Amino acid sequence: MSETISEPTVLVPVDASDPEAPSQALVDVLSPHQLVVLGYYPVKDQAATSQIRAQFGEEATEATEAIANRFVEQGGDAEPVVVFTHDRSKTIDKIAAEHGVDAVLTAGTVGDFLDRILVPLRGDDNLERILGFVGVLLRESDATATMLNVAEGEEASSRGELLVRGACDRLEDEGVDPARLGWREERSGSPVDAIGEAAVDYDILVVGETEPSLADRVLGGVTNRLIDESSDPLLVVRNK
């Protein structure tokens, strides 16, 4: 069984070639946690990484450190890491493993608030870690969280309802105010479509990593399709 999460480390990837300052909402949500700010600098296939690093290394480092400092100024602990890479996904996977991070932030549209969290659950192997991470997010913020299960039939629907109700009960047992917890159970032949429709009402999603690595997720699966199709940022909880 995967260990639960009590003091999470979050990887925040940013494109160091075209950096955008993190929104105040994102800073507010993530600054209470240990952060690794990964400034990845994309290198074209035909270009030498060493040559691009020599040309843009100082610029990329300054941009990454500036973003990390936004979290530090809010009282957070953020370590900047700069990598010049031909493969963004493999780099994220590698840095996530090297730093033992618990969750990885994906790109998405961040509004003025990140206080409505949607947590799709499918009986993941890393359920303990997902709920542990959500519990920490809630205790360190004023956010609310809704547990969601998408079932394809009546029998699966019954199991799904037990799953999301049980998740709320466990978070309540850990001290989360039940008024900040909710659950939904949907029936659909397409979990991705159902989650995408539900996500319209929320600011950020917390999902579980079900493949062996972030790089493998690029090949397919519900989590990867959500990353591709959702306009919301996702926090992907790693299965360690």
C-alpha atoms as a PDB file:
ATOM      1  CA  MET A   1       0.000   0.000   0.000  1.00  0.00           C
ATOM      2  CA  SER A   2       1.304   3.464  -0.852  1.00  0.00           C
ATOM      3  CA  GLU A   3       2.250   5.684   2.059  1.00  0.00           C
ATOM      4  CA  THR A   4       0.018   8.607   2.857  1.00  0.00           C
ATOM      5  CA  ILE A   5       1.090  12.232   2.440  1.00  0.00           C
ATOM      6  CA  SER A   6       1.506  14.568   5.401  1.00  0.00           C
ATOM      7  CA  GLU A   7       4.040  17.165   4.200  1.00  0.00           C
ATOM      8  CA  PRO A   8       3.792  17.221   0.389  1.00  0.00           C
ATOM      9  CA  THR A   9       6.370  18.384  -2.090  1.00  0.00           C
ATOM     10  CA  VAL A  10       4.916  19.762  -5.322  1.00  0.00           C
ATOM     11  CA  LEU A  11       6.704  20.080  -8.665  1.00  0.00           C
ATOM     12  CA  VAL A  12       5.811  23.249 -10.572  1.00  0.00           C
ATOM     13  CA  PRO A  13       7.063  23.052 -14.190  1.00  0.00           C
ATOM     14  CA  VAL A  14       7.460  26.339 -16.076  1.00  0.00           C
ATOM     15  CA  ASP A  15       8.672  27.028 -19.594  1.00  0.00           C
ATOM     16  CA  ALA A  16      11.895  28.941 -18.970  1.00  0.00           C
ATOM     17  CA  SER A  17      11.989  30.113 -22.590  1.00  0.00           C
ATOM     18  CA  ASP A  18       8.649  31.905 -22.210  1.00  0.00           C
ATOM     19  CA  PRO A  19       7.973  32.223 -18.472  1.00  0.00           C
ATOM     20  CA  GLU A  20       4.746  33.547 -17.020  1.00  0.00           C
ATOM     21  CA  ALA A  21       4.532  34.844 -13.471  1.00  0.00           C
ATOM     22  CA  PRO A  22       2.348  32.599 -11.284  1.00  0.00           C
ATOM     23  CA  SER A  23      -1.018  34.044 -10.349  1.00  0.00           C
ATOM     24  CA  GLN A  24      -1.617  35.144  -6.781  1.00  0.00           C
ATOM     25  CA  ALA A  25      -4.234  32.397  -6.466  1.00  0.00           C
ATOM     26  CA  LEU A  26      -1.654  29.750  -7.354  1.00  0.00           C
ATOM     27  CA  VAL A  27       0.882  31.254  -4.983  1.00  0.00           C
ATOM     28  CA  ASP A  28      -1.690  31.249  -2.180  1.00  0.00           C
ATOM     29  CA  VAL A  29      -2.588  27.584  -2.727  1.00  0.00           C
ATOM     30  CA  LEU A  30       0.916  26.172  -3.142  1.00  0.00           C
ATOM     31  CA  SER A  31       3.149  28.366  -0.970  1.00  0.00           C
ATOM     32  CA  PRO A  32       2.349  26.477   2.278  1.00  0.00           C
ATOM     33  CA  HIS A  33       4.039  23.409   0.774  1.00  0.00           C
ATOM     34  CA  GLN A  34       7.554  22.407  -0.219  1.00  0.00           C
ATOM     35  CA  LEU A  35       7.992  23.300  -3.900  1.00  0.00           C
ATOM     36  CA  VAL A  36      10.383  22.426  -6.690  1.00  0.00           C
ATOM     37  CA  VAL A  37      10.113  24.995  -9.494  1.00  0.00           C
ATOM     38  CA  LEU A  38      11.355  23.294 -12.653  1.00  0.00           C
ATOM     39  CA  GLY A  39      12.376  25.743 -15.333  1.00  0.00           C
ATOM     40  CA  TYR A  40      12.572  23.561 -18.432  1.00  0.00           C
ATOM     41  CA  TYR A  41      14.015  25.137 -21.568  1.00  0.00           C
ATOM     42  CA  PRO A  42      12.846  23.341 -24.754  1.00  0.00           C
ATOM     43  CA  VAL A  43      15.652  22.467 -27.186  1.00  0.00           C
ATOM     44  CA  LYS A  44      14.873  21.582 -30.792  1.00  0.00           C
ATOM     45  CA  ASP A  45      15.843  18.073 -31.876  1.00  0.00           C
ATOM     46  CA  GLN A  46      18.593  19.231 -34.206  1.00  0.00           C
ATOM     47  CA  ALA A  47      20.158  21.616 -31.665  1.00  0.00           C
ATOM     48  CA  ALA A  48      22.850  20.750 -29.121  1.00  0.00           C
ATOM     49  CA  THR A  49      21.680  21.108 -25.534  1.00  0.00           C
ATOM     50  CA  SER A  50      25.077  22.389 -24.402  1.00  0.00           C
ATOM     51  CA  GLN A  51      25.057  25.119 -27.033  1.00  0.00           C
ATOM     52  CA  ILE A  52      21.561  26.358 -26.097  1.00  0.00           C
ATOM     53  CA  ARG A  53      22.467  26.242 -22.408  1.00  0.00           C
ATOM     54  CA  ALA A  54      25.564  28.353 -23.019  1.00  0.00           C
ATOM     55  CA  GLN A  55      23.473  30.872 -24.933  1.00  0.00           C
ATOM     56  CA  PHE A  56      20.404  31.080 -22.690  1.00  0.00           C
ATOM     57  CA  GLY A  57      21.478  29.538 -19.366  1.00  0.00           C
ATOM     58  CA  GLU A  58      21.697  32.777 -17.409  1.00  0.00           C
ATOM     59  CA  GLU A  59      18.365  34.001 -18.764  1.00  0.00           C
ATOM     60  CA  ALA A  60      16.616  30.716 -17.940  1.00  0.00           C
ATOM     61  CA  THR A  61      18.079  30.634 -14.433  1.00  0.00           C
ATOM     62  CA  GLU A  62      16.994  34.191 -13.671  1.00  0.00           C
ATOM     63  CA  ALA A  63      13.463  33.505 -14.926  1.00  0.00           C
ATOM     64  CA  THR A  64      13.127  30.317 -12.876  1.00  0.00           C
ATOM     65  CA  GLU A  65      14.520  31.908  -9.722  1.00  0.00           C
ATOM     66  CA  ALA A  66      12.145  34.859 -10.111  1.00  0.00           C
ATOM     67  CA  ILE A  67       9.153  32.512 -10.159  1.00  0.00           C
ATOM     68  CA  ALA A  68      10.475  30.522  -7.188  1.00  0.00           C
ATOM     69  CA  ASN A  69      10.929  33.786  -5.292  1.00  0.00           C
ATOM     70  CA  ARG A  70       7.229  34.592  -5.704  1.00  0.00           C
ATOM     71  CA  PHE A  71       6.444  31.570  -3.537  1.00  0.00           C
ATOM     72  CA  VAL A  72       9.271  32.349  -1.114  1.00  0.00           C
ATOM     73  CA  GLU A  73       7.976  35.902  -0.641  1.00  0.00           C
ATOM     74  CA  GLN A  74       4.652  34.375   0.420  1.00  0.00           C
ATOM     75  CA  GLY A  75       6.463  32.348   3.069  1.00  0.00           C
ATOM     76  CA  GLY A  76       6.988  29.196   1.034  1.00  0.00           C
ATOM     77  CA  ASP A  77      10.040  27.024   0.460  1.00  0.00           C
ATOM     78  CA  ALA A  78      10.756  26.791  -3.273  1.00  0.00           C
ATOM     79  CA  GLU A  79      13.837  25.246  -4.888  1.00  0.00           C
ATOM     80  CA  PRO A  80      14.565  26.379  -8.473  1.00  0.00           C
ATOM     81  CA  VAL A  81      15.869  23.769 -10.933  1.00  0.00           C
ATOM     82  CA  VAL A  82      16.805  24.566 -14.545  1.00  0.00           C
ATOM     83  CA  VAL A  83      17.012  21.900 -17.257  1.00  0.00           C
ATOM     84  CA  PHE A  84      17.597  22.258 -20.998  1.00  0.00           C
ATOM     85  CA  THR A  85      15.785  19.400 -22.654  1.00  0.00           C
ATOM     86  CA  HIS A  86      14.683  17.764 -25.888  1.00  0.00           C
ATOM     87  CA  ASP A  87      11.799  16.006 -24.089  1.00  0.00           C
ATOM     88  CA  ARG A  88       9.684  17.973 -21.628  1.00  0.00           C
ATOM     89  CA  SER A  89       7.679  14.974 -20.364  1.00  0.00           C
ATOM     90  CA  LYS A  90      10.726  12.829 -19.618  1.00  0.00           C
ATOM     91  CA  THR A  91      12.395  15.754 -17.894  1.00  0.00           C
ATOM     92  CA  ILE A  92       9.380  16.304 -15.642  1.00  0.00           C
ATOM     93  CA  ASP A  93       9.310  12.602 -14.823  1.00  0.00           C
ATOM     94  CA  LYS A  94      13.048  12.547 -14.090  1.00  0.00           C
ATOM     95  CA  ILE A  95      13.024  15.609 -11.834  1.00  0.00           C
ATOM     96  CA  ALA A  96       9.889  14.376 -10.052  1.00  0.00           C
ATOM     97  CA  ALA A  97      11.650  11.101  -9.254  1.00  0.00           C
ATOM     98  CA  GLU A  98      14.961  12.709  -8.291  1.00  0.00           C
ATOM     99  CA  HIS A  99      13.296  15.098  -5.842  1.00  0.00           C
ATOM    100  CA  GLY A 100      10.739  12.594  -4.587  1.00  0.00           C
ATOM    101  CA  VAL A 101       7.848  14.963  -5.218  1.00  0.00           C
ATOM    102  CA  ASP A 102       4.350  13.958  -4.206  1.00  0.00           C
ATOM    103  CA  ALA A 103       2.399  15.859  -6.854  1.00  0.00           C
ATOM    104  CA  VAL A 104       3.001  17.586 -10.170  1.00  0.00           C
ATOM    105  CA  LEU A 105       1.161  20.675 -11.358  1.00  0.00           C
ATOM    106  CA  THR A 106       0.034  20.686 -14.997  1.00  0.00           C
ATOM    107  CA  ALA A 107      -0.590  23.699 -17.171  1.00  0.00           C
ATOM    108  CA  GLY A 108      -4.038  25.256 -17.071  1.00  0.00           C
ATOM    109  CA  THR A 109      -5.969  28.469 -16.863  1.00  0.00           C
ATOM    110  CA  VAL A 110      -5.689  29.879 -13.351  1.00  0.00           C
ATOM    111  CA  GLY A 111      -8.373  32.342 -12.359  1.00  0.00           C
ATOM    112  CA  ASP A 112      -8.540  34.730  -9.447  1.00  0.00           C
ATOM    113  CA  PHE A 113      -9.419  31.897  -7.074  1.00  0.00           C
ATOM    114  CA  LEU A 114      -8.400  28.262  -6.643  1.00  0.00           C
ATOM    115  CA  ASP A 115     -10.757  27.340  -3.856  1.00  0.00           C
ATOM    116  CA  ARG A 116     -13.069  24.761  -5.467  1.00  0.00           C
ATOM    117  CA  ILE A 117     -11.289  21.416  -5.809  1.00  0.00           C
ATOM    118  CA  LEU A 118     -12.625  18.459  -7.796  1.00  0.00           C
ATOM    119  CA  VAL A 119     -11.199  15.040  -6.912  1.00  0.00           C
ATOM    120  CA  PRO A 120     -12.099  12.271  -9.410  1.00  0.00           C
ATOM    121  CA  LEU A 121     -11.714   8.871  -7.728  1.00  0.00           C
ATOM    122  CA  ARG A 122     -11.729   5.478  -9.393  1.00  0.00           C
ATOM    123  CA  GLY A 123     -10.560   3.220  -6.582  1.00  0.00           C
ATOM    124  CA  ASP A 124      -6.963   4.138  -7.421  1.00  0.00           C
ATOM    125  CA  ASP A 125      -4.125   2.147  -5.924  1.00  0.00           C
ATOM    126  CA  ASN A 126      -2.806   5.392  -4.468  1.00  0.00           C
ATOM    127  CA  LEU A 127      -6.123   6.397  -2.888  1.00  0.00           C
ATOM    128  CA  GLU A 128      -4.421   6.891   0.483  1.00  0.00           C
ATOM    129  CA  ARG A 129      -1.978   9.349  -1.051  1.00  0.00           C
ATOM    130  CA  ILE A 130      -4.667  11.226  -2.984  1.00  0.00           C
ATOM    131  CA  LEU A 131      -6.799  11.713   0.127  1.00  0.00           C
ATOM    132  CA  GLY A 132      -3.752  12.568   2.226  1.00  0.00           C
ATOM    133  CA  PHE A 133      -2.774  15.259  -0.268  1.00  0.00           C
ATOM    134  CA  VAL A 134      -6.315  16.653  -0.470  1.00  0.00           C
ATOM    135  CA  GLY A 135      -6.476  16.741   3.316  1.00  0.00           C
ATOM    136  CA  VAL A 136      -3.312  18.830   3.497  1.00  0.00           C
ATOM    137  CA  LEU A 137      -4.577  21.223   0.803  1.00  0.00           C
ATOM    138  CA  LEU A 138      -7.797  21.744   2.738  1.00  0.00           C
ATOM    139  CA  ARG A 139      -6.102  22.238   6.082  1.00  0.00           C
ATOM    140  CA  GLU A 140      -3.754  24.834   4.588  1.00  0.00           C
ATOM    141  CA  SER A 141      -6.484  26.793   2.774  1.00  0.00           C
ATOM    142  CA  ASP A 142     -10.141  27.760   2.846  1.00  0.00           C
ATOM    143  CA  ALA A 143     -10.931  25.569  -0.168  1.00  0.00           C
ATOM    144  CA  THR A 144     -13.741  23.080  -0.539  1.00  0.00           C
ATOM    145  CA  ALA A 145     -13.398  19.663  -2.185  1.00  0.00           C
ATOM    146  CA  THR A 146     -15.848  17.430  -4.034  1.00  0.00           C
ATOM    147  CA  MET A 147     -15.162  13.723  -4.513  1.00  0.00           C
ATOM    148  CA  LEU A 148     -16.377  12.456  -7.896  1.00  0.00           C
ATOM    149  CA  ASN A 149     -16.812   8.956  -9.243  1.00  0.00           C
ATOM    150  CA  VAL A 150     -17.913   8.152 -12.790  1.00  0.00           C
ATOM    151  CA  ALA A 151     -19.484   4.723 -13.210  1.00  0.00           C
ATOM    152  CA  GLU A 152     -20.473   2.863 -16.364  1.00  0.00           C
ATOM    153  CA  GLY A 153     -23.307   0.796 -14.859  1.00  0.00           C
ATOM    154  CA  GLU A 154     -25.575   0.256 -11.846  1.00  0.00           C
ATOM    155  CA  GLU A 155     -23.263  -2.125 -10.006  1.00  0.00           C
ATOM    156  CA  ALA A 156     -20.277   0.134 -10.577  1.00  0.00           C
ATOM    157  CA  SER A 157     -22.412   3.078  -9.493  1.00  0.00           C
ATOM    158  CA  SER A 158     -23.095   1.490  -6.108  1.00  0.00           C
ATOM    159  CA  ARG A 159     -19.405   0.834  -5.569  1.00  0.00           C
ATOM    160  CA  GLY A 160     -18.575   4.354  -6.699  1.00  0.00           C
ATOM    161  CA  GLU A 161     -20.978   5.940  -4.245  1.00  0.00           C
ATOM    162  CA  LEU A 162     -19.432   3.960  -1.415  1.00  0.00           C
ATOM    163  CA  LEU A 163     -16.008   5.096  -2.568  1.00  0.00           C
ATOM    164  CA  VAL A 164     -16.734   8.833  -2.596  1.00  0.00           C
ATOM    165  CA  ARG A 165     -18.841   8.797   0.570  1.00  0.00           C
ATOM    166  CA  GLY A 166     -16.104   6.839   2.309  1.00  0.00           C
ATOM    167  CA  ALA A 167     -13.492   9.324   1.105  1.00  0.00           C
ATOM    168  CA  CYS A 168     -15.446  12.197   2.640  1.00  0.00           C
ATOM    169  CA  ASP A 169     -15.801  10.270   5.897  1.00  0.00           C
ATOM    170  CA  ARG A 170     -12.060   9.636   6.055  1.00  0.00           C
ATOM    171  CA  LEU A 171     -11.230  13.284   5.482  1.00  0.00           C
ATOM    172  CA  GLU A 172     -13.754  14.275   8.130  1.00  0.00           C
ATOM    173  CA  ASP A 173     -12.120  11.812  10.548  1.00  0.00           C
ATOM    174  CA  GLU A 174      -8.815  13.583   9.869  1.00  0.00           C
ATOM    175  CA  GLY A 175     -10.273  16.880  11.028  1.00  0.00           C
ATOM    176  CA  VAL A 176     -11.638  18.424   7.827  1.00  0.00           C
ATOM    177  CA  ASP A 177     -14.881  20.332   8.372  1.00  0.00           C
ATOM    178  CA  PRO A 178     -17.653  18.275   6.702  1.00  0.00           C
ATOM    179  CA  ALA A 179     -19.169  21.530   5.436  1.00  0.00           C
ATOM    180  CA  ARG A 180     -16.148  21.816   3.127  1.00  0.00           C
ATOM    181  CA  LEU A 181     -16.619  18.323   1.672  1.00  0.00           C
ATOM    182  CA  GLY A 182     -19.032  17.005  -0.923  1.00  0.00           C
ATOM    183  CA  TRP A 183     -19.425  14.060  -3.271  1.00  0.00           C
ATOM    184  CA  ARG A 184     -20.901  13.342  -6.701  1.00  0.00           C
ATOM    185  CA  GLU A 185     -21.595  10.078  -8.457  1.00  0.00           C
ATOM    186  CA  GLU A 186     -22.154  10.161 -12.218  1.00  0.00           C
ATOM    187  CA  ARG A 187     -22.966   7.505 -14.813  1.00  0.00           C
ATOM    188  CA  SER A 188     -21.278   7.760 -18.175  1.00  0.00           C
ATOM    189  CA  GLY A 189     -19.579   5.607 -20.753  1.00  0.00           C
ATOM    190  CA  SER A 190     -16.797   8.174 -20.968  1.00  0.00           C
ATOM    191  CA  PRO A 191     -15.141   9.076 -17.648  1.00  0.00           C
ATOM    192  CA  VAL A 192     -13.093  11.801 -19.323  1.00  0.00           C
ATOM    193  CA  ASP A 193     -16.157  13.508 -20.801  1.00  0.00           C
ATOM    194  CA  ALA A 194     -18.063  13.291 -17.511  1.00  0.00           C
ATOM    195  CA  ILE A 195     -15.155  14.642 -15.485  1.00  0.00           C
ATOM    196  CA  GLY A 196     -14.622  17.393 -18.048  1.00  0.00           C
ATOM    197  CA  GLU A 197     -18.261  18.457 -17.797  1.00  0.00           C
ATOM    198  CA  ALA A 198     -18.138  18.441 -14.000  1.00  0.00           C
ATOM    199  CA  ALA A 199     -14.843  20.362 -13.959  1.00  0.00           C
ATOM    200  CA  VAL A 200     -16.567  23.455 -15.347  1.00  0.00           C
ATOM    201  CA  ASP A 201     -17.805  24.183 -11.832  1.00  0.00           C
ATOM    202  CA  TYR A 202     -14.360  23.890 -10.223  1.00  0.00           C
ATOM    203  CA  ASP A 203     -11.029  25.724 -10.197  1.00  0.00           C
ATOM    204  CA  ILE A 204      -8.506  22.892  -9.965  1.00  0.00           C
ATOM    205  CA  LEU A 205      -8.497  19.095 -10.142  1.00  0.00           C
ATOM    206  CA  VAL A 206      -6.562  16.625  -8.005  1.00  0.00           C
ATOM    207  CA  VAL A 207      -6.080  13.322  -9.824  1.00  0.00           C
ATOM    208  CA  GLY A 208      -4.079  10.184  -9.222  1.00  0.00           C
ATOM    209  CA  GLU A 209      -1.198   8.880 -11.267  1.00  0.00           C
ATOM    210  CA  THR A 210      -2.136   5.329 -12.208  1.00  0.00           C
ATOM    211  CA  GLU A 211       0.657   4.537 -14.662  1.00  0.00           C
ATOM    212  CA  PRO A 212       4.207   3.732 -13.520  1.00  0.00           C
ATOM    213  CA  SER A 213       5.488   7.171 -14.451  1.00  0.00           C
ATOM    214  CA  LEU A 214       4.495  10.568 -15.755  1.00  0.00           C
ATOM    215  CA  ALA A 215       6.244   9.794 -19.042  1.00  0.00           C
ATOM    216  CA  ASP A 216       4.143   6.649 -19.536  1.00  0.00           C
ATOM    217  CA  ARG A 217       0.969   8.663 -18.973  1.00  0.00           C
ATOM    218  CA  VAL A 218       1.754  10.597 -22.124  1.00  0.00           C
ATOM    219  CA  LEU A 219       0.799   7.488 -24.099  1.00  0.00           C
ATOM    220  CA  GLY A 220      -2.799   7.549 -22.982  1.00  0.00           C
ATOM    221  CA  GLY A 221      -5.256   6.973 -20.166  1.00  0.00           C
ATOM    222  CA  VAL A 222      -7.849   8.991 -18.333  1.00  0.00           C
ATOM    223  CA  THR A 223      -5.373  11.228 -16.506  1.00  0.00           C
ATOM    224  CA  ASN A 224      -3.489  12.113 -19.652  1.00  0.00           C
ATOM    225  CA  ARG A 225      -6.673  12.880 -21.577  1.00  0.00           C
ATOM    226  CA  LEU A 226      -7.772  15.148 -18.738  1.00  0.00           C
ATOM    227  CA  ILE A 227      -4.433  16.946 -18.946  1.00  0.00           C
ATOM    228  CA  ASP A 228      -4.888  17.386 -22.684  1.00  0.00           C
ATOM    229  CA  GLU A 229      -8.542  18.386 -22.651  1.00  0.00           C
ATOM    230  CA  SER A 230      -9.093  20.268 -19.398  1.00  0.00           C
ATOM    231  CA  SER A 231      -8.572  24.019 -19.266  1.00  0.00           C
ATOM    232  CA  ASP A 232      -8.178  23.745 -15.479  1.00  0.00           C
ATOM    233  CA  PRO A 233      -4.803  23.035 -13.869  1.00  0.00           C
ATOM    234  CA  LEU A 234      -4.391  19.551 -12.443  1.00  0.00           C
ATOM    235  CA  LEU A 235      -2.390  18.398  -9.466  1.00  0.00           C
ATOM    236  CA  VAL A 236      -1.310  14.857 -10.309  1.00  0.00           C
ATOM    237  CA  VAL A 237      -0.560  12.833  -7.177  1.00  0.00           C
ATOM    238  CA  ARG A 238       2.306  10.462  -7.857  1.00  0.00           C
ATOM    239  CA  ASN A 239       2.013   6.786  -6.965  1.00  0.00           C
ATOM    240  CA  LYS A 240       5.191   6.201  -4.964  1.00  0.00           C
END
